[in-house]
Amino acid sequence: MKHADLKNQALRRAGVRAEYEALGPEFELLRQMLGARTKAGLSQADVATRMGTHAPAITRLESALGSGKHSPSIDTLKRYAEAVGCDLQVKFVRNSRTEKRPKPTAKPSPRSGASAA
């Protein structure tokens, strides 16, 4: 069985499809990171040197995104981006799921610096 066939068969199951879709942002970030590193003509070892770390750390960073088991910090992503000659941009983008949700009715309570006596 080809990989594409196996993937399509697995994605027919609702639970598998939901988990796969939940990892979408991580997979997209990984594609962007690998694309930027490839475009820069850099190996993982090159990126590691530029970030002041070791190649296995870059391997773990890239593979962790593919597994969804680890979320790197913004600082780490910024350092990776700089190492491959890019700027990191983080933005919120509306999606159809967000627009269909009802708006919250309860207002959050204001924060108080004073403690109750």
Protein backbone atom coordinates (compact mmCIF):
# COMPACT_ATOMS: atom_id res chain seq x y z
CA MET A 1 0.00 0.00 0.00
CA LYS A 2 1.29 3.46 -0.88
CA HIS A 3 1.65 6.13 1.80
CA ALA A 4 -1.05 8.31 0.23
CA ASP A 5 -3.51 5.41 0.22
CA LEU A 6 -2.77 4.57 3.84
CA LYS A 7 -3.17 8.22 4.83
CA ASN A 8 -6.50 8.53 3.00
CA GLN A 9 -7.77 5.33 4.59
CA ALA A 10 -6.74 6.47 8.07
CA LEU A 11 -8.26 9.94 7.62
CA ARG A 12 -11.67 8.38 6.96
CA ARG A 13 -11.83 7.69 10.69
CA ALA A 14 -13.18 10.76 12.47
CA GLY A 15 -10.84 10.48 15.47
CA VAL A 16 -7.75 10.14 13.30
CA ARG A 17 -8.87 13.03 11.09
CA ALA A 18 -9.48 15.27 14.13
CA GLU A 19 -6.01 14.55 15.55
CA TYR A 20 -4.41 15.07 12.14
CA GLU A 21 -6.18 18.40 11.66
CA ALA A 22 -5.23 19.50 15.18
CA LEU A 23 -1.56 19.14 14.21
CA GLY A 24 -2.02 21.36 11.14
CA PRO A 25 -0.33 24.46 12.59
CA GLU A 26 2.69 22.44 13.75
CA PHE A 27 3.06 20.79 10.33
CA GLU A 28 2.80 24.16 8.61
CA LEU A 29 5.43 25.66 10.90
CA LEU A 30 7.71 22.69 10.25
CA ARG A 31 7.25 23.07 6.45
CA GLN A 32 8.17 26.75 6.73
CA MET A 33 11.22 26.05 8.89
CA LEU A 34 12.53 23.29 6.61
CA GLY A 35 11.83 25.41 3.54
CA ALA A 36 13.70 28.38 4.98
CA ARG A 37 16.66 26.22 6.01
CA THR A 38 16.78 24.57 2.57
CA LYS A 39 16.47 27.91 0.77
CA ALA A 40 19.35 29.25 2.88
CA GLY A 41 21.40 26.19 1.88
CA LEU A 42 22.05 25.27 5.50
CA SER A 43 22.32 21.93 7.25
CA GLN A 44 21.04 21.31 10.75
CA ALA A 45 24.63 21.58 11.93
CA ASP A 46 24.97 24.98 10.24
CA VAL A 47 21.82 26.25 11.92
CA ALA A 48 22.99 24.88 15.26
CA THR A 49 26.30 26.71 14.97
CA ARG A 50 24.52 29.96 14.15
CA MET A 51 22.18 29.47 17.12
CA GLY A 52 25.03 28.59 19.48
CA THR A 53 23.82 25.03 20.08
CA HIS A 54 24.48 21.52 18.76
CA ALA A 55 23.01 19.74 15.73
CA PRO A 56 21.01 17.21 17.80
CA ALA A 57 19.10 20.13 19.35
CA ILE A 58 18.01 21.24 15.87
CA THR A 59 17.07 17.68 14.98
CA ARG A 60 14.92 17.48 18.14
CA LEU A 61 13.37 20.88 17.41
CA GLU A 62 12.38 19.96 13.87
CA SER A 63 11.21 16.44 14.71
CA ALA A 64 9.24 17.60 17.75
CA LEU A 65 7.09 19.82 15.55
CA GLY A 66 6.26 16.85 13.35
CA SER A 67 5.17 14.80 16.33
CA GLY A 68 3.22 17.54 18.11
CA LYS A 69 4.89 16.55 21.39
CA HIS A 70 6.72 19.80 22.00
CA SER A 71 6.03 23.45 21.34
CA PRO A 72 9.18 25.52 21.03
CA SER A 73 9.31 28.92 22.66
CA ILE A 74 8.95 32.12 20.66
CA ASP A 75 12.58 32.89 21.54
CA THR A 76 13.76 29.58 20.06
CA LEU A 77 11.73 30.13 16.88
CA LYS A 78 13.11 33.67 16.60
CA ARG A 79 16.69 32.41 16.95
CA TYR A 80 16.04 29.68 14.35
CA ALA A 81 14.55 32.25 11.96
CA GLU A 82 17.53 34.56 12.37
CA ALA A 83 19.92 31.63 11.83
CA VAL A 84 18.32 30.90 8.44
CA GLY A 85 18.20 34.57 7.44
CA CYS A 86 14.53 35.20 8.17
CA ASP A 87 12.35 37.22 10.52
CA LEU A 88 9.75 35.49 12.66
CA GLN A 89 6.20 36.78 12.31
CA VAL A 90 3.43 35.58 14.58
CA LYS A 91 -0.11 36.60 13.77
CA PHE A 92 -3.67 35.68 14.57
CA VAL A 93 -5.84 34.88 11.55
CA ARG A 94 -9.61 34.50 11.74
CA ASN A 95 -10.94 31.19 10.57
CA SER A 96 -14.39 29.89 9.85
CA ARG A 97 -14.55 27.93 13.11
CA THR A 98 -13.93 31.07 15.17
CA GLU A 99 -16.58 33.07 13.34
CA LYS A 100 -19.26 30.44 13.99
CA ARG A 101 -18.72 30.34 17.75
CA PRO A 102 -21.18 32.29 19.88
CA LYS A 103 -19.73 35.34 21.50
CA PRO A 104 -19.14 35.07 25.26
CA THR A 105 -21.75 36.82 27.37
CA ALA A 106 -19.94 36.93 30.69
CA LYS A 107 -17.46 39.71 31.18
CA PRO A 108 -14.15 38.82 32.82
CA SER A 109 -13.73 40.27 36.27
CA PRO A 110 -11.23 43.11 36.51
CA ARG A 111 -7.94 42.29 38.11
CA SER A 112 -7.42 43.74 41.51
CA GLY A 113 -4.02 44.47 42.98
CA ALA A 114 -5.42 44.47 46.52
CA SER A 115 -6.05 41.24 48.34
CA ALA A 116 -9.25 40.62 50.25
CA ALA A 117 -8.92 41.16 54.00
